Amino acid sequence: MRRPLPLCVFLSLISLAVLNAAEQTQPNIVVFLADDMGWGDSATYGHELIQTPNLDKLASQGVKFTQCYSACGVCSPSRSAILTGRTPYRNGVYRHLSGNHEAHLRRSEVTYPKLLKSIGYETCHVGKWHLNSKPQFNTPEYPQPGDHGYDYWMATHNNAEPSHKNPNNFVRNGKPVGELEGFSAPLVAAEAAHWLSEVRDDSKPFALSIWIHEPHSPIATDPRFSELYDGHENSTYMGNITQLDHALGQVMSALDEEGVSDNTLVIFTSDNGPVAKFGGTTGGLRGGKRSDHEGGIRVPGVARWPGHIKPGTVSDVPVVGTDIFATVLDITGIPLPTDRTIDGVSMLPAFAGKPVERKVPLFWRTHVSPPGDRVAMRIGDWKIVGDETLTDFQLYEIQKDWKEENDLSAEMPEKTEQMKRILFSVWEGIESEGPDQWWKSERQKPARGGKLSY
């Protein structure tokens, strides 16, 4: 294990590393994250009824990824990976953090907002947080958004309560906001626009995280959006997607009004797959939220960066939320931390449809998955799916068999064994770095007839 470099020394070295680029205008960063939005939940990805004009527009101005992944099949872990570039079990947020639990995004983790601040960026987070448990949220004993690099934040712990309509549980910079009138995603987008126009120092580059609640339950949809689907049994859910798309449009308009769109990388994605019983769709992929089959982890992914990404392009290069960290560092000239494993890689080649080189394969482990698909790993076109005890495995040639209908493990035992060896090695490395006492002492009973709760 390499000896950790003190954070203060590392940040000083970063400032020196980017000094030569100081005269160049640094790009702004916007990450817009939907909550439980499926790969098939938009016109952009082929839904015949759901209207998503702003996501369509964003894709027409940038690149649409057909194989974009979240880092986990549930929310807290995938969010931790976006900020740290580290797979969830490695950074410690291995599970969803809803009730009373000791796991949280530790102060020792290095986030991209914290690194951007060290070179003069202004940073803001609005929307859902969900990187500590409920008793830990907005308490000084545990790290909050401000401790992870955000100058300004307005967030809820987890869901908007009592629903997306008139939420009353937002906290702004440590102070409860009280009841807000309206619906969650547009309210969050309005706060982002307010920060852009009235709060930030416009002489500095900025990083803005917009993590909305839609379409996570409890769903509440503005009638002006649900009425677009009047008479359809799924009108509330479909309207909720259009509601979040409207919020995306608010942000895009705010960037235009501030005159910063041309120098801003905008990334749109989701934290995990959808929940079918609420109306979500995977677009034909197997599984859904909580699963490590494609339906639980393959999500929409669109990026726009004028002058750097060719408009209206499509990339089938596999990318993952974990890659956002390395991408942000790459385009801002910040070196990757050397005292810890960074699982993500820069997406810059993928923006142009070119493959990326990974030292660590794409890897997933979801603590509340069905026992039969607890872990997964992808290398090239090959994906292995393992059960909770790592004794039973499935093998798919995922590029050809994206619905995971043809298990090739019995037909190709040598390839299966090769993938198993690599998976065991990857998991061993993750387990040795992460705070495994958190999951090995897990009190939650195994779900769905399983044997392990992690």
Protein backbone atom coordinates (compact mmCIF):
# COMPACT_ATOMS: atom_id res chain seq x y z
CA MET A 1 0.00 0.00 0.00
CA ARG A 2 1.44 3.37 -0.99
CA ARG A 3 2.04 5.90 1.76
CA PRO A 4 -0.71 8.54 1.56
CA LEU A 5 0.33 12.02 0.52
CA PRO A 6 -1.02 14.65 2.95
CA LEU A 7 -4.01 16.37 1.37
CA CYS A 8 -2.60 19.87 1.93
CA VAL A 9 0.62 18.90 0.11
CA PHE A 10 -1.32 17.29 -2.71
CA LEU A 11 -3.50 20.39 -3.18
CA SER A 12 -0.40 22.60 -3.25
CA LEU A 13 1.14 20.42 -5.94
CA ILE A 14 -2.08 20.66 -7.95
CA SER A 15 -1.93 24.46 -7.86
CA LEU A 16 1.64 24.34 -9.18
CA ALA A 17 0.70 21.79 -11.86
CA VAL A 18 -2.00 24.01 -13.32
CA LEU A 19 -0.11 27.31 -13.00
CA ASN A 20 1.13 27.17 -16.59
CA ALA A 21 -2.47 26.92 -17.79
CA ALA A 22 -3.71 29.84 -15.69
CA GLU A 23 -3.92 32.19 -18.66
CA GLN A 24 -6.31 29.84 -20.45
CA THR A 25 -10.03 29.97 -19.63
CA GLN A 26 -10.88 26.90 -17.59
CA PRO A 27 -14.08 25.05 -18.57
CA ASN A 28 -17.12 25.06 -16.32
CA ILE A 29 -18.57 21.71 -15.22
CA VAL A 30 -22.27 20.86 -14.83
CA VAL A 31 -23.40 17.36 -13.82
CA PHE A 32 -27.17 16.85 -13.99
CA LEU A 33 -28.16 13.59 -12.29
CA ALA A 34 -31.64 12.02 -12.49
CA ASP A 35 -32.83 9.60 -9.81
CA ASP A 36 -34.01 6.11 -10.90
CA MET A 37 -34.37 7.13 -14.56
CA GLY A 38 -34.18 4.10 -16.82
CA TRP A 39 -32.27 3.66 -20.05
CA GLY A 40 -35.57 3.57 -21.93
CA ASP A 41 -37.31 6.42 -20.09
CA SER A 42 -36.96 9.14 -22.74
CA ALA A 43 -37.60 9.98 -26.36
CA THR A 44 -33.84 10.42 -26.63
CA TYR A 45 -33.41 6.69 -26.00
CA GLY A 46 -36.36 5.52 -28.06
CA HIS A 47 -39.49 5.81 -25.91
CA GLU A 48 -42.38 6.39 -28.29
CA LEU A 49 -44.53 8.50 -25.93
CA ILE A 50 -42.41 10.28 -23.32
CA GLN A 51 -41.52 13.81 -24.39
CA THR A 52 -38.00 14.95 -23.50
CA PRO A 53 -37.31 17.89 -25.81
CA ASN A 54 -34.48 19.33 -23.74
CA LEU A 55 -32.60 16.05 -23.44
CA ASP A 56 -33.15 15.58 -27.17
CA LYS A 57 -31.68 19.05 -27.73
CA LEU A 58 -28.70 18.34 -25.48
CA ALA A 59 -27.98 15.14 -27.41
CA SER A 60 -28.26 17.02 -30.72
CA GLN A 61 -25.61 19.43 -29.44
CA GLY A 62 -23.26 16.77 -28.10
CA VAL A 63 -22.80 13.03 -27.79
CA LYS A 64 -25.29 10.36 -26.72
CA PHE A 65 -23.78 7.27 -25.08
CA THR A 66 -25.58 4.02 -25.81
CA GLN A 67 -23.57 2.15 -23.16
CA CYS A 68 -23.39 4.52 -20.22
CA TYR A 69 -23.43 2.90 -16.79
CA SER A 70 -24.02 3.93 -13.22
CA ALA A 71 -21.47 2.63 -10.74
CA CYS A 72 -24.08 0.68 -8.80
CA GLY A 73 -27.67 -0.54 -9.01
CA VAL A 74 -28.74 1.79 -6.18
CA CYS A 75 -28.31 5.47 -5.46
CA SER A 76 -25.87 6.35 -2.64
CA PRO A 77 -23.03 4.19 -3.97
CA SER A 78 -23.31 5.48 -7.53
CA ARG A 79 -23.26 9.08 -6.29
CA SER A 80 -20.14 8.46 -4.20
CA ALA A 81 -18.39 7.09 -7.28
CA ILE A 82 -19.20 10.19 -9.33
CA LEU A 83 -17.54 12.45 -6.77
CA THR A 84 -14.50 10.28 -5.99
CA GLY A 85 -13.78 8.27 -9.15
CA ARG A 86 -13.65 5.19 -6.93
CA THR A 87 -15.92 2.16 -7.05
CA PRO A 88 -18.35 2.27 -4.09
CA TYR A 89 -16.96 -0.53 -1.94
CA ARG A 90 -13.54 1.07 -2.30
CA ASN A 91 -14.70 4.52 -1.17
CA GLY A 92 -16.89 3.09 1.59
CA VAL A 93 -20.38 4.04 0.41
CA TYR A 94 -21.28 0.46 -0.46
CA ARG A 95 -25.00 0.74 0.38
CA HIS A 96 -27.95 3.12 0.18
CA LEU A 97 -27.88 5.40 3.22
CA SER A 98 -31.43 5.93 4.35
CA GLY A 99 -31.89 4.98 8.00
CA ASN A 100 -29.43 4.85 10.87
CA HIS A 101 -26.12 3.51 9.57
CA GLU A 102 -22.45 4.22 10.22
CA ALA A 103 -21.41 4.28 6.55
CA HIS A 104 -20.90 7.67 4.90
CA LEU A 105 -18.66 9.43 2.42
CA ARG A 106 -15.60 9.85 4.61
CA ARG A 107 -13.59 13.06 4.95
CA SER A 108 -10.54 11.13 3.76
CA GLU A 109 -12.06 10.71 0.30
CA VAL A 110 -10.89 13.21 -2.32
CA THR A 111 -13.71 14.64 -4.43
CA TYR A 112 -13.50 16.54 -7.69
CA PRO A 113 -15.25 19.65 -6.25
CA LYS A 114 -12.59 19.80 -3.53
CA LEU A 115 -9.82 19.55 -6.11
CA LEU A 116 -11.43 22.17 -8.34
CA LYS A 117 -11.67 24.57 -5.40
CA SER A 118 -7.91 24.26 -4.95
CA ILE A 119 -7.36 25.82 -8.39
CA GLY A 120 -9.87 28.62 -8.00
CA TYR A 121 -13.23 27.15 -8.99
CA GLU A 122 -16.52 28.11 -7.34
CA THR A 123 -18.65 25.08 -6.53
CA CYS A 124 -22.34 24.44 -5.88
CA HIS A 125 -24.52 21.42 -5.16
CA VAL A 126 -28.33 21.48 -5.38
CA GLY A 127 -30.80 18.63 -4.96
CA LYS A 128 -30.44 15.22 -3.36
CA TRP A 129 -27.31 14.39 -1.32
CA HIS A 130 -27.72 10.89 0.19
CA LEU A 131 -24.06 10.38 1.08
CA ASN A 132 -24.60 10.00 4.80
CA SER A 133 -27.36 8.38 6.84
CA LYS A 134 -30.36 10.35 8.05
CA PRO A 135 -29.09 11.03 11.62
CA GLN A 136 -25.74 12.16 10.15
CA PHE A 137 -27.21 14.66 7.68
CA ASN A 138 -26.59 18.32 8.54
CA THR A 139 -24.72 17.47 11.75
CA PRO A 140 -21.17 18.75 12.37
CA GLU A 141 -19.86 15.36 13.50
CA TYR A 142 -20.09 14.03 9.96
CA PRO A 143 -18.98 15.52 6.63
CA GLN A 144 -21.61 17.48 4.71
CA PRO A 145 -21.56 18.80 1.12
CA GLY A 146 -19.45 21.76 2.26
CA ASP A 147 -16.84 19.40 3.66
CA HIS A 148 -16.58 17.66 0.30
CA GLY A 149 -15.81 20.79 -1.66
CA TYR A 150 -19.06 22.68 -2.21
CA ASP A 151 -19.01 26.42 -1.44
CA TYR A 152 -22.79 26.61 -1.65
CA TRP A 153 -25.37 23.86 -1.26
CA MET A 154 -29.09 23.33 -0.97
CA ALA A 155 -29.93 19.69 -0.44
CA THR A 156 -32.18 17.05 1.03
CA HIS A 157 -30.78 14.03 2.81
CA ASN A 158 -32.59 11.55 0.53
CA ASN A 159 -36.03 11.96 -1.02
CA ALA A 160 -37.98 15.19 -1.27
CA GLU A 161 -40.61 15.01 1.49
CA PRO A 162 -43.49 14.55 1.74
CA SER A 163 -43.18 14.11 -2.03
CA HIS A 164 -41.92 15.98 -5.09
CA LYS A 165 -44.74 18.50 -4.50
CA ASN A 166 -44.13 21.31 -2.01
CA PRO A 167 -41.08 19.69 -0.37
CA ASN A 168 -40.27 20.81 3.15
CA ASN A 169 -36.93 19.14 3.91
CA PHE A 170 -34.34 21.15 1.99
CA VAL A 171 -31.34 22.55 3.86
CA ARG A 172 -29.37 25.49 2.44
CA ASN A 173 -25.80 25.84 3.69
CA GLY A 174 -26.72 24.16 6.97
CA LYS A 175 -30.02 25.97 7.60
CA PRO A 176 -33.45 24.41 7.01
CA VAL A 177 -35.32 26.14 4.20
CA GLY A 178 -38.88 25.21 5.16
CA GLU A 179 -41.67 24.37 2.76
CA LEU A 180 -41.17 25.31 -0.87
CA GLU A 181 -44.05 25.78 -3.24
CA GLY A 182 -43.81 23.82 -6.46
CA PHE A 183 -42.31 20.57 -7.69
CA SER A 184 -38.87 19.28 -6.83
CA ALA A 185 -36.90 19.23 -10.09
CA PRO A 186 -37.99 22.72 -11.25
CA LEU A 187 -37.33 24.05 -7.73
CA VAL A 188 -33.83 22.55 -7.73
CA ALA A 189 -33.16 23.92 -11.21
CA ALA A 190 -34.38 27.36 -10.10
CA GLU A 191 -31.93 27.28 -7.19
CA ALA A 192 -29.14 26.38 -9.61
CA ALA A 193 -30.14 29.30 -11.85
CA HIS A 194 -30.24 31.62 -8.83
CA TRP A 195 -26.73 30.57 -7.84
CA LEU A 196 -25.47 31.07 -11.38
CA SER A 197 -26.91 34.55 -11.78
CA GLU A 198 -26.83 36.03 -8.28
CA VAL A 199 -24.44 34.19 -5.99
CA ARG A 200 -21.32 32.98 -7.79
CA ASP A 201 -18.31 35.12 -8.60
CA ASP A 202 -18.54 35.28 -12.37
CA SER A 203 -14.82 35.98 -12.66
CA LYS A 204 -14.13 32.37 -11.66
CA PRO A 205 -14.86 29.05 -13.40
CA PHE A 206 -17.49 26.93 -11.69
CA ALA A 207 -18.61 23.37 -11.01
CA LEU A 208 -22.32 22.82 -10.49
CA SER A 209 -23.96 19.56 -9.39
CA ILE A 210 -27.71 19.28 -9.97
CA TRP A 211 -28.98 16.04 -8.46
CA ILE A 212 -32.75 16.02 -8.86
CA HIS A 213 -35.22 13.64 -7.18
CA GLU A 214 -37.33 12.68 -10.17
CA PRO A 215 -38.55 10.07 -11.03
CA HIS A 216 -37.84 8.42 -7.65
CA SER A 217 -40.90 7.70 -5.51
CA PRO A 218 -42.94 9.21 -3.90
CA ILE A 219 -43.75 10.64 -7.31
CA ALA A 220 -45.65 13.90 -7.68
CA THR A 221 -46.09 15.47 -11.08
CA ASP A 222 -47.22 18.95 -12.05
CA PRO A 223 -50.56 18.53 -13.92
CA ARG A 224 -49.18 20.53 -16.85
CA PHE A 225 -46.81 17.65 -17.51
CA SER A 226 -49.03 14.66 -16.65
CA GLU A 227 -51.82 16.11 -18.79
CA LEU A 228 -49.58 15.64 -21.82
CA TYR A 229 -50.35 11.93 -21.40
CA ASP A 230 -53.99 12.28 -20.37
CA GLY A 231 -55.77 8.93 -20.44
CA HIS A 232 -52.60 6.83 -20.28
CA GLU A 233 -52.30 4.60 -17.21
CA ASN A 234 -48.68 5.70 -16.80
CA SER A 235 -49.35 9.43 -17.19
CA THR A 236 -47.98 10.41 -13.76
CA TYR A 237 -44.64 8.72 -14.32
CA MET A 238 -44.26 9.83 -17.91
CA GLY A 239 -45.15 13.38 -16.87
CA ASN A 240 -42.54 13.13 -14.13
CA ILE A 241 -39.88 12.42 -16.73
CA THR A 242 -41.03 15.43 -18.75
CA GLN A 243 -40.95 17.43 -15.51
CA LEU A 244 -37.29 16.58 -14.96
CA ASP A 245 -36.63 17.32 -18.64
CA HIS A 246 -38.20 20.75 -18.10
CA ALA A 247 -35.76 21.30 -15.21
CA LEU A 248 -32.88 20.39 -17.52
CA GLY A 249 -34.19 23.04 -19.90
CA GLN A 250 -34.21 25.59 -17.09
CA VAL A 251 -30.53 24.92 -16.45
CA MET A 252 -29.63 25.05 -20.13
CA SER A 253 -31.44 28.40 -20.44
CA ALA A 254 -29.66 29.74 -17.35
CA LEU A 255 -26.28 28.82 -18.85
CA ASP A 256 -27.27 30.62 -22.06
CA GLU A 257 -28.42 33.71 -20.18
CA GLU A 258 -25.14 33.85 -18.27
CA GLY A 259 -23.21 33.52 -21.53
CA VAL A 260 -21.28 30.47 -20.36
CA SER A 261 -22.75 27.61 -22.43
CA ASP A 262 -19.91 27.60 -24.95
CA ASN A 263 -17.32 27.01 -22.22
CA THR A 264 -19.27 24.48 -20.16
CA LEU A 265 -19.16 20.69 -20.15
CA VAL A 266 -22.67 19.44 -19.33
CA ILE A 267 -23.13 15.79 -18.41
CA PHE A 268 -26.60 14.26 -17.99
CA THR A 269 -27.02 10.78 -16.52
CA SER A 270 -28.92 8.76 -13.89
CA ASP A 271 -27.86 7.15 -10.63
CA ASN A 272 -29.24 3.69 -11.50
CA GLY A 273 -31.94 1.91 -13.44
CA PRO A 274 -35.72 2.27 -13.07
CA VAL A 275 -38.46 0.71 -10.95
CA ALA A 276 -40.99 -0.99 -13.20
CA LYS A 277 -43.87 -0.93 -10.70
CA PHE A 278 -43.73 2.88 -10.68
CA GLY A 279 -43.75 3.02 -14.47
CA GLY A 280 -40.06 3.04 -15.39
CA THR A 281 -38.64 1.17 -18.36
CA THR A 282 -35.24 -0.24 -19.19
CA GLY A 283 -35.86 -0.17 -22.92
CA GLY A 284 -35.74 -3.97 -23.04
CA LEU A 285 -32.71 -4.51 -20.81
CA ARG A 286 -32.78 -7.32 -18.25
CA GLY A 287 -33.47 -6.41 -14.62
CA GLY A 288 -34.03 -2.99 -13.06
CA LYS A 289 -32.99 -0.94 -10.05
CA ARG A 290 -30.93 -3.05 -7.61
CA SER A 291 -29.86 -5.54 -10.28
CA ASP A 292 -26.37 -5.91 -11.74
CA HIS A 293 -27.88 -7.00 -15.02
CA GLU A 294 -27.98 -4.24 -17.61
CA GLY A 295 -31.39 -2.87 -16.62
CA GLY A 296 -30.11 -1.93 -13.17
CA ILE A 297 -26.91 -0.21 -14.25
CA ARG A 298 -27.15 0.89 -17.90
CA VAL A 299 -28.53 4.43 -17.86
CA PRO A 300 -28.92 7.46 -20.12
CA GLY A 301 -25.72 9.40 -20.67
CA VAL A 302 -25.38 12.59 -22.72
CA ALA A 303 -22.51 15.10 -22.80
CA ARG A 304 -22.25 18.53 -24.44
CA TRP A 305 -19.07 20.59 -24.67
CA PRO A 306 -19.11 23.03 -27.60
CA GLY A 307 -15.92 23.01 -29.64
CA HIS A 308 -14.78 19.75 -28.06
CA ILE A 309 -17.63 17.30 -28.71
CA LYS A 310 -19.04 16.98 -32.20
CA PRO A 311 -22.77 17.79 -32.13
CA GLY A 312 -25.29 15.04 -32.79
CA THR A 313 -22.89 12.13 -32.39
CA VAL A 314 -23.47 8.71 -30.85
CA SER A 315 -20.83 6.73 -28.96
CA ASP A 316 -21.11 3.05 -28.08
CA VAL A 317 -17.95 3.15 -25.96
CA PRO A 318 -18.78 1.86 -22.46
CA VAL A 319 -18.43 4.61 -19.84
CA VAL A 320 -19.47 4.76 -16.19
CA GLY A 321 -20.34 7.45 -13.63
CA THR A 322 -17.01 6.78 -11.95
CA ASP A 323 -15.34 8.25 -15.05
CA ILE A 324 -16.72 11.74 -14.37
CA PHE A 325 -14.04 12.35 -11.72
CA ALA A 326 -11.13 11.54 -14.03
CA THR A 327 -12.72 13.43 -16.92
CA VAL A 328 -13.10 16.61 -14.89
CA LEU A 329 -9.49 16.39 -13.72
CA ASP A 330 -8.30 15.73 -17.26
CA ILE A 331 -9.96 18.78 -18.82
CA THR A 332 -8.89 21.10 -16.00
CA GLY A 333 -5.26 19.96 -15.84
CA ILE A 334 -5.40 18.46 -12.36
CA PRO A 335 -3.26 15.31 -11.92
CA LEU A 336 -4.97 12.18 -10.62
CA PRO A 337 -4.31 11.40 -6.95
CA THR A 338 -1.45 8.93 -6.60
CA ASP A 339 -2.09 7.79 -3.03
CA ARG A 340 -5.22 5.76 -3.82
CA THR A 341 -6.77 3.65 -6.55
CA ILE A 342 -8.85 5.66 -9.02
CA ASP A 343 -11.15 3.28 -10.87
CA GLY A 344 -12.53 5.75 -13.39
CA VAL A 345 -10.78 6.99 -16.54
CA SER A 346 -11.13 10.11 -18.65
CA MET A 347 -14.02 9.97 -21.09
CA LEU A 348 -12.36 12.36 -23.54
CA PRO A 349 -11.62 9.60 -26.10
CA ALA A 350 -15.16 8.25 -25.69
CA PHE A 351 -16.58 11.69 -26.46
CA ALA A 352 -15.24 11.09 -29.96
CA GLY A 353 -16.29 7.43 -30.10
CA LYS A 354 -12.78 6.13 -29.40
CA PRO A 355 -12.10 3.42 -26.80
CA VAL A 356 -10.80 4.24 -23.34
CA GLU A 357 -8.03 2.29 -21.60
CA ARG A 358 -8.88 0.91 -18.17
CA LYS A 359 -6.43 -0.43 -15.63
CA VAL A 360 -9.38 -1.55 -13.50
CA PRO A 361 -12.25 -3.24 -15.37
CA LEU A 362 -15.83 -2.03 -15.06
CA PHE A 363 -17.05 -3.64 -11.83
CA TRP A 364 -20.32 -3.65 -9.94
CA ARG A 365 -21.49 -5.00 -6.61
CA THR A 366 -24.95 -4.08 -5.32
CA HIS A 367 -25.78 -5.02 -1.74
CA VAL A 368 -29.56 -5.31 -2.28
CA SER A 369 -29.46 -7.12 -5.62
CA PRO A 370 -31.12 -10.49 -6.11
CA PRO A 371 -28.71 -13.16 -4.78
CA GLY A 372 -28.05 -14.45 -8.30
CA ASP A 373 -26.63 -11.19 -9.69
CA ARG A 374 -24.76 -9.63 -6.78
CA VAL A 375 -21.62 -8.79 -8.76
CA ALA A 376 -20.71 -8.08 -12.37
CA MET A 377 -17.63 -7.15 -14.36
CA ARG A 378 -17.21 -6.08 -17.96
CA ILE A 379 -14.06 -6.23 -20.11
CA GLY A 380 -14.50 -5.28 -23.74
CA ASP A 381 -17.60 -7.02 -25.05
CA TRP A 382 -17.59 -9.62 -22.28
CA LYS A 383 -19.58 -9.41 -19.07
CA ILE A 384 -19.54 -11.87 -16.20
CA VAL A 385 -22.32 -11.88 -13.58
CA GLY A 386 -21.78 -13.65 -10.27
CA ASP A 387 -23.99 -14.65 -7.37
CA GLU A 388 -23.58 -13.34 -3.82
CA THR A 389 -21.18 -16.11 -2.75
CA LEU A 390 -19.07 -15.86 -5.93
CA THR A 391 -19.63 -19.51 -6.74
CA ASP A 392 -22.14 -19.38 -9.59
CA PHE A 393 -21.44 -17.32 -12.71
CA GLN A 394 -23.08 -16.27 -15.97
CA LEU A 395 -21.21 -15.07 -19.06
CA TYR A 396 -22.54 -12.77 -21.78
CA GLU A 397 -21.15 -11.27 -24.96
CA ILE A 398 -22.86 -8.04 -24.09
CA GLN A 399 -22.37 -6.09 -27.30
CA LYS A 400 -24.26 -8.76 -29.24
CA ASP A 401 -26.52 -9.91 -26.42
CA TRP A 402 -27.43 -6.64 -24.71
CA LYS A 403 -30.61 -8.20 -23.27
CA GLU A 404 -28.50 -10.90 -21.54
CA GLU A 405 -30.59 -13.75 -22.91
CA ASN A 406 -27.80 -16.22 -23.76
CA ASP A 407 -25.63 -17.36 -20.86
CA LEU A 408 -22.40 -18.69 -22.43
CA SER A 409 -20.71 -19.90 -19.22
CA ALA A 410 -21.26 -23.61 -19.91
CA GLU A 411 -20.47 -23.24 -23.58
CA MET A 412 -17.26 -21.26 -22.96
CA PRO A 413 -15.73 -22.58 -19.71
CA GLU A 414 -12.21 -21.29 -20.44
CA LYS A 415 -13.43 -17.73 -21.03
CA THR A 416 -15.59 -17.97 -17.92
CA GLU A 417 -12.63 -19.10 -15.81
CA GLN A 418 -10.49 -16.28 -17.20
CA MET A 419 -13.12 -13.69 -16.31
CA LYS A 420 -13.61 -15.24 -12.88
CA ARG A 421 -9.89 -14.96 -12.08
CA ILE A 422 -9.87 -11.29 -13.02
CA LEU A 423 -13.06 -10.62 -11.05
CA PHE A 424 -11.63 -12.28 -7.92
CA SER A 425 -8.48 -10.18 -8.25
CA VAL A 426 -10.45 -6.95 -8.66
CA TRP A 427 -12.69 -7.74 -5.69
CA GLU A 428 -9.69 -8.66 -3.52
CA GLY A 429 -8.14 -5.27 -4.24
CA ILE A 430 -11.36 -3.41 -3.50
CA GLU A 431 -11.93 -5.36 -0.29
CA SER A 432 -8.41 -4.62 0.93
CA GLU A 433 -8.85 -0.85 0.47
CA GLY A 434 -12.43 -0.25 1.54
CA PRO A 435 -13.70 -0.06 5.15
CA ASP A 436 -14.83 -3.69 5.07
CA GLN A 437 -15.81 -3.64 8.75
CA TRP A 438 -18.81 -1.58 7.66
CA TRP A 439 -20.21 -4.29 5.41
CA LYS A 440 -18.89 -7.39 7.15
CA SER A 441 -20.66 -6.31 10.36
CA GLU A 442 -23.85 -5.38 8.49
CA ARG A 443 -26.94 -5.91 10.69
CA GLN A 444 -29.44 -5.86 7.85
CA LYS A 445 -30.77 -9.33 7.10
CA PRO A 446 -30.05 -10.76 3.65
CA ALA A 447 -32.85 -10.00 1.21
CA ARG A 448 -34.71 -12.19 -1.27
CA GLY A 449 -33.61 -15.46 0.26
CA GLY A 450 -29.94 -14.60 0.10
CA LYS A 451 -27.08 -15.53 2.42
CA LEU A 452 -25.09 -12.27 2.46
CA SER A 453 -26.23 -8.72 3.19
CA TYR A 454 -23.41 -7.05 1.27
